[in-house]
Amino acid sequence: MAPLVRNNLAVYDELADRWWDPRGPFAGLRWLAASRAERIGPASNGSSVLVDVACGGGLLQPYASAKGYVHVGVDISRRSLEVARSHGVRPVRGDMNRLPLADACAEVVVAGECLEHVPDPYQVVAECCRILRPGGKLIVDTAANTVLARILGITLLENAPCPGTPPRGTHDHRLFIDRRRLVRTCAENGVTMRLVGLRPRVLDVFSFVLGRRPAVRLVPMRWTGLLFQGVGAKESPTDSRRPAGAQ
C-alpha cells in the first residue's frame, strides 16, 4: 500500500466533478459556505466585488449573487475553476500567496478552509488584507492548532465511513492555525479581527447521515479550539484619524 500523502491538494483536481455533490467529499465545504454567507452583508452597489480566495468549485456563488456582488474566484486548480465558471464565478487562476489582484479592489474578501493547506497562511492573510478596500470585510474559516482539532478533524473525520467526509490525506495537522498569530497578522495589516467557534447541529448530523436532511447547519459557539470563523473589518482613513477612545 502506498504511503498516505498528507495535505494532498491533487484531490481538488481529481474530484472536481463532485464539488456540488450534496453527499460527496466536499459536502462539509458547502455547509461552511452557507455559514460564511451569513456574515456577508448586501453589496453597496452593482459593481461591488467579492473575492473568494481558494474558491474551489464556487460553492459561495449562489449567496454572493443573491447579495449583489461580482463574484471573483481565485484558485490554483484549473479543473475546479472550470466548475466555478460554470456556476457563474469570474475565475482567476493564481497562487493565494501572491494574489494576482490589485490593492483595495474588493468590498469583501473570503478565505474559506484554505489557510490550513499552505506553509505560510499568514502571508495569505496579509494578501487578503492588501486587496480589501478600507471599510471592507474579511471572512475566514479554518482549523485551530489544537490536539482536539487534530483528533476530530483528521483521525476521526477523515476515516469515518459516512457521506460528506473529506478524503483521507486532505489535512496535515502541522499546518493548522495559530489563532493569536492570525489575529495579530490581521491587525498588522489594518484589519480588526474577531473569532467565533463553529460546530454542527448534532441532530442535523444524524439526519444527514441517514439521508433525511440535505445539509448540516453550523452554529456559532464561544470556544474556538476546533473549527472557527474570523470576521474582520479593514480600518478606513477616517478611523485612523480618530482619537483613541472616541465614539
Protein backbone atom coordinates (compact mmCIF):
# COMPACT_ATOMS: atom_id res chain seq x y z
CA MET A 1 0.00 0.00 0.00
CA ALA A 2 1.36 3.44 -0.95
CA PRO A 3 2.06 5.78 1.98
CA LEU A 4 -0.66 8.32 2.71
CA VAL A 5 0.23 11.80 1.45
CA ARG A 6 -0.97 14.49 3.82
CA ASN A 7 -2.37 17.80 2.53
CA ASN A 8 -2.81 16.19 -0.86
CA LEU A 9 -4.06 19.12 -2.94
CA ALA A 10 -4.32 16.89 -6.01
CA VAL A 11 -7.70 15.68 -4.73
CA TYR A 12 -9.26 19.02 -5.74
CA ASP A 13 -8.44 18.30 -9.38
CA GLU A 14 -9.17 14.59 -9.17
CA LEU A 15 -12.59 15.12 -7.57
CA ALA A 16 -13.53 18.41 -9.26
CA ASP A 17 -16.69 16.91 -10.75
CA ARG A 18 -18.01 16.32 -7.21
CA TRP A 19 -17.82 19.88 -5.88
CA TRP A 20 -21.60 20.26 -5.95
CA ASP A 21 -22.49 16.71 -4.87
CA PRO A 22 -24.58 17.27 -1.70
CA ARG A 23 -23.37 13.96 -0.20
CA GLY A 24 -19.91 13.94 -1.75
CA PRO A 25 -16.45 14.59 -0.27
CA PHE A 26 -16.90 18.38 -0.33
CA ALA A 27 -20.30 18.44 1.38
CA GLY A 28 -18.82 19.99 4.52
CA LEU A 29 -17.45 22.85 2.43
CA ARG A 30 -20.97 23.55 1.19
CA TRP A 31 -22.18 23.83 4.78
CA LEU A 32 -19.33 26.20 5.57
CA ALA A 33 -20.16 28.32 2.52
CA ALA A 34 -23.69 28.73 3.86
CA SER A 35 -22.32 29.74 7.26
CA ARG A 36 -19.89 32.20 5.65
CA ALA A 37 -22.71 33.79 3.69
CA GLU A 38 -24.49 34.71 6.92
CA ARG A 39 -21.57 37.05 7.68
CA ILE A 40 -21.74 38.83 4.33
CA GLY A 41 -23.92 41.90 4.08
CA PRO A 42 -25.52 43.12 0.84
CA ALA A 43 -23.30 44.76 -1.78
CA SER A 44 -23.10 48.53 -1.57
CA ASN A 45 -23.57 48.88 -5.34
CA GLY A 46 -23.86 46.84 -8.51
CA SER A 47 -20.12 46.76 -9.13
CA SER A 48 -19.05 45.67 -5.64
CA VAL A 49 -16.53 42.85 -5.80
CA LEU A 50 -16.36 39.82 -3.53
CA VAL A 51 -13.06 37.96 -3.88
CA ASP A 52 -13.28 34.28 -2.97
CA VAL A 53 -9.75 33.05 -2.23
CA ALA A 54 -9.33 29.32 -2.99
CA CYS A 55 -12.87 29.31 -4.36
CA GLY A 56 -12.81 25.67 -5.44
CA GLY A 57 -15.95 24.86 -7.40
CA GLY A 58 -17.62 28.15 -6.49
CA LEU A 59 -19.85 26.98 -3.64
CA LEU A 60 -20.30 30.55 -2.39
CA GLN A 61 -21.70 31.79 -5.73
CA PRO A 62 -25.46 31.46 -5.00
CA TYR A 63 -25.05 33.59 -1.89
CA ALA A 64 -22.70 36.15 -3.44
CA SER A 65 -25.02 36.59 -6.40
CA ALA A 66 -28.11 36.92 -4.21
CA LYS A 67 -26.39 39.69 -2.22
CA GLY A 68 -25.48 41.60 -5.39
CA TYR A 69 -21.72 41.00 -5.67
CA VAL A 70 -19.48 40.45 -8.64
CA HIS A 71 -18.05 37.13 -7.50
CA VAL A 72 -14.36 36.75 -8.39
CA GLY A 73 -12.88 33.36 -7.53
CA VAL A 74 -9.14 32.72 -7.25
CA ASP A 75 -7.81 29.17 -7.25
CA ILE A 76 -4.76 27.21 -8.38
CA SER A 77 -6.84 24.22 -9.55
CA ARG A 78 -7.71 24.60 -13.22
CA ARG A 79 -10.45 21.96 -13.12
CA SER A 80 -12.07 23.49 -10.04
CA LEU A 81 -12.09 26.89 -11.73
CA GLU A 82 -13.85 25.37 -14.74
CA VAL A 83 -16.58 24.15 -12.40
CA ALA A 84 -16.74 27.55 -10.67
CA ARG A 85 -17.07 29.32 -14.03
CA SER A 86 -19.98 27.07 -14.98
CA HIS A 87 -21.77 28.26 -11.85
CA GLY A 88 -21.29 31.97 -12.56
CA VAL A 89 -17.98 32.77 -10.85
CA ARG A 90 -15.48 35.04 -12.61
CA PRO A 91 -12.40 32.81 -12.38
CA VAL A 92 -8.81 33.93 -11.84
CA ARG A 93 -6.12 31.27 -11.78
CA GLY A 94 -3.41 32.15 -9.32
CA ASP A 95 -1.47 31.44 -6.15
CA MET A 96 -3.14 32.71 -3.00
CA ASN A 97 0.29 33.52 -1.54
CA ARG A 98 0.57 36.21 -4.24
CA LEU A 99 -2.94 37.11 -5.31
CA PRO A 100 -2.96 38.42 -8.89
CA LEU A 101 -5.31 41.27 -7.96
CA ALA A 102 -4.93 45.00 -7.32
CA ASP A 103 -4.71 46.63 -3.91
CA ALA A 104 -8.06 47.58 -2.34
CA CYS A 105 -10.10 46.02 -5.16
CA ALA A 106 -12.67 44.14 -3.06
CA GLU A 107 -15.50 45.09 -0.76
CA VAL A 108 -15.46 41.60 0.73
CA VAL A 109 -12.65 39.03 0.80
CA VAL A 110 -13.40 35.45 1.82
CA ALA A 111 -10.77 32.79 2.54
CA GLY A 112 -12.67 29.64 3.45
CA GLU A 113 -10.98 26.42 4.56
CA CYS A 114 -7.73 27.18 2.77
CA LEU A 115 -5.35 28.66 5.36
CA GLU A 116 -4.66 25.21 6.82
CA HIS A 117 -3.38 23.98 3.45
CA VAL A 118 -0.38 26.30 2.94
CA PRO A 119 3.02 26.52 4.66
CA ASP A 120 2.64 30.25 5.39
CA PRO A 121 -1.04 31.02 5.99
CA TYR A 122 -0.18 34.41 7.49
CA GLN A 123 1.24 35.53 4.15
CA VAL A 124 -2.10 34.59 2.60
CA VAL A 125 -3.90 36.60 5.28
CA ALA A 126 -1.68 39.61 4.55
CA GLU A 127 -2.55 39.28 0.86
CA CYS A 128 -6.26 39.14 1.69
CA CYS A 129 -5.90 42.33 3.72
CA ARG A 130 -3.99 44.01 0.87
CA ILE A 131 -6.76 43.52 -1.69
CA LEU A 132 -9.50 44.54 0.77
CA ARG A 133 -10.67 48.11 0.45
CA PRO A 134 -10.85 50.39 3.54
CA GLY A 135 -14.10 49.68 5.35
CA GLY A 136 -14.35 46.26 3.69
CA LYS A 137 -14.94 42.91 5.36
CA LEU A 138 -12.64 39.90 5.64
CA ILE A 139 -14.11 36.48 6.46
CA VAL A 140 -12.06 33.35 7.08
CA ASP A 141 -12.78 29.91 8.47
CA THR A 142 -10.22 27.28 9.28
CA ALA A 143 -8.99 24.69 11.81
CA ALA A 144 -7.32 25.62 15.09
CA ASN A 145 -3.92 24.26 16.04
CA THR A 146 -5.12 22.12 18.96
CA VAL A 147 -4.86 18.45 19.84
CA LEU A 148 -8.63 18.03 19.74
CA ALA A 149 -8.80 19.56 16.25
CA ARG A 150 -6.24 17.03 15.07
CA ILE A 151 -8.10 14.10 16.60
CA LEU A 152 -11.58 15.07 15.45
CA GLY A 153 -10.68 16.75 12.16
CA ILE A 154 -8.23 14.13 10.89
CA THR A 155 -8.17 10.87 12.85
CA LEU A 156 -11.95 10.57 13.13
CA LEU A 157 -13.46 12.66 10.35
CA GLU A 158 -11.20 11.52 7.51
CA ASN A 159 -11.73 7.87 8.44
CA ALA A 160 -15.44 7.93 9.17
CA PRO A 161 -17.46 5.66 6.84
CA CYS A 162 -20.09 8.35 6.32
CA PRO A 163 -21.23 10.52 3.41
CA GLY A 164 -19.85 14.04 3.25
CA THR A 165 -16.48 13.30 4.87
CA PRO A 166 -13.26 14.63 3.29
CA PRO A 167 -10.86 12.25 1.53
CA ARG A 168 -8.09 10.72 3.61
CA GLY A 169 -4.98 12.83 3.44
CA THR A 170 -6.82 16.12 2.94
CA HIS A 171 -5.30 17.71 6.04
CA ASP A 172 -1.94 17.94 7.77
CA HIS A 173 -2.22 18.94 11.43
CA ARG A 174 1.16 20.70 11.26
CA LEU A 175 -0.49 23.38 9.13
CA PHE A 176 -3.38 24.10 11.49
CA ILE A 177 -3.74 27.73 12.52
CA ASP A 178 -2.36 29.65 15.49
CA ARG A 179 -5.36 31.82 16.39
CA ARG A 180 -3.40 34.55 18.17
CA ARG A 181 -1.00 34.91 15.29
CA LEU A 182 -3.90 35.11 12.85
CA VAL A 183 -5.49 37.99 14.77
CA ARG A 184 -2.11 39.70 15.13
CA THR A 185 -1.35 39.40 11.42
CA CYS A 186 -4.71 40.94 10.58
CA ALA A 187 -4.06 43.83 12.97
CA GLU A 188 -0.63 44.43 11.43
CA ASN A 189 -2.36 44.79 8.08
CA GLY A 190 -5.11 47.15 9.20
CA VAL A 191 -7.88 44.62 9.87
CA THR A 192 -9.51 44.18 13.27
CA MET A 193 -10.49 40.52 13.51
CA ARG A 194 -12.72 38.69 15.97
CA LEU A 195 -13.08 34.92 16.16
CA VAL A 196 -16.05 32.68 16.84
CA GLY A 197 -16.15 28.91 17.06
CA LEU A 198 -18.33 26.77 14.81
CA ARG A 199 -19.97 23.42 15.41
CA PRO A 200 -22.52 21.33 13.52
CA ARG A 201 -26.01 20.86 14.87
CA VAL A 202 -25.82 17.35 16.30
CA LEU A 203 -29.30 16.29 15.21
CA ASP A 204 -28.59 17.58 11.72
CA VAL A 205 -25.54 15.32 11.50
CA PHE A 206 -27.56 12.19 12.33
CA SER A 207 -30.34 13.23 9.96
CA PHE A 208 -27.84 13.89 7.17
CA VAL A 209 -26.10 10.53 7.61
CA LEU A 210 -29.50 8.80 7.48
CA GLY A 211 -30.43 10.70 4.33
CA ARG A 212 -33.19 12.72 5.97
CA ARG A 213 -31.54 16.15 5.59
CA PRO A 214 -29.75 17.57 2.54
CA ALA A 215 -27.25 19.55 4.63
CA VAL A 216 -25.96 20.22 8.13
CA ARG A 217 -26.34 23.63 9.71
CA LEU A 218 -23.38 25.12 11.54
CA VAL A 219 -23.92 27.22 14.63
CA PRO A 220 -21.59 29.61 16.48
CA MET A 221 -20.07 28.88 19.86
CA ARG A 222 -17.66 30.72 22.13
CA TRP A 223 -14.89 28.11 22.06
CA THR A 224 -12.63 28.46 19.01
CA GLY A 225 -10.34 25.46 19.58
CA LEU A 226 -11.71 23.24 16.82
CA LEU A 227 -13.24 24.89 13.78
CA PHE A 228 -13.51 28.65 13.88
CA GLN A 229 -14.53 31.63 11.82
CA GLY A 230 -12.89 35.04 11.78
CA VAL A 231 -14.69 38.21 10.74
CA GLY A 232 -12.76 41.44 10.38
CA ALA A 233 -13.13 44.98 9.08
CA LYS A 234 -10.39 47.00 7.46
CA GLU A 235 -9.65 50.34 9.00
CA SER A 236 -10.73 53.30 6.92
CA PRO A 237 -8.77 56.58 6.72
CA THR A 238 -11.34 58.26 8.97
CA ASP A 239 -10.86 55.54 11.61
CA SER A 240 -7.10 56.05 11.62
CA ARG A 241 -7.52 59.78 12.26
CA ARG A 242 -10.00 59.28 15.09
CA PRO A 243 -8.58 59.99 18.59
CA ALA A 244 -8.16 56.96 20.84
CA GLY A 245 -11.30 56.32 22.88
CA ALA A 246 -13.52 58.39 20.57
CA GLN A 247 -17.01 57.07 19.82
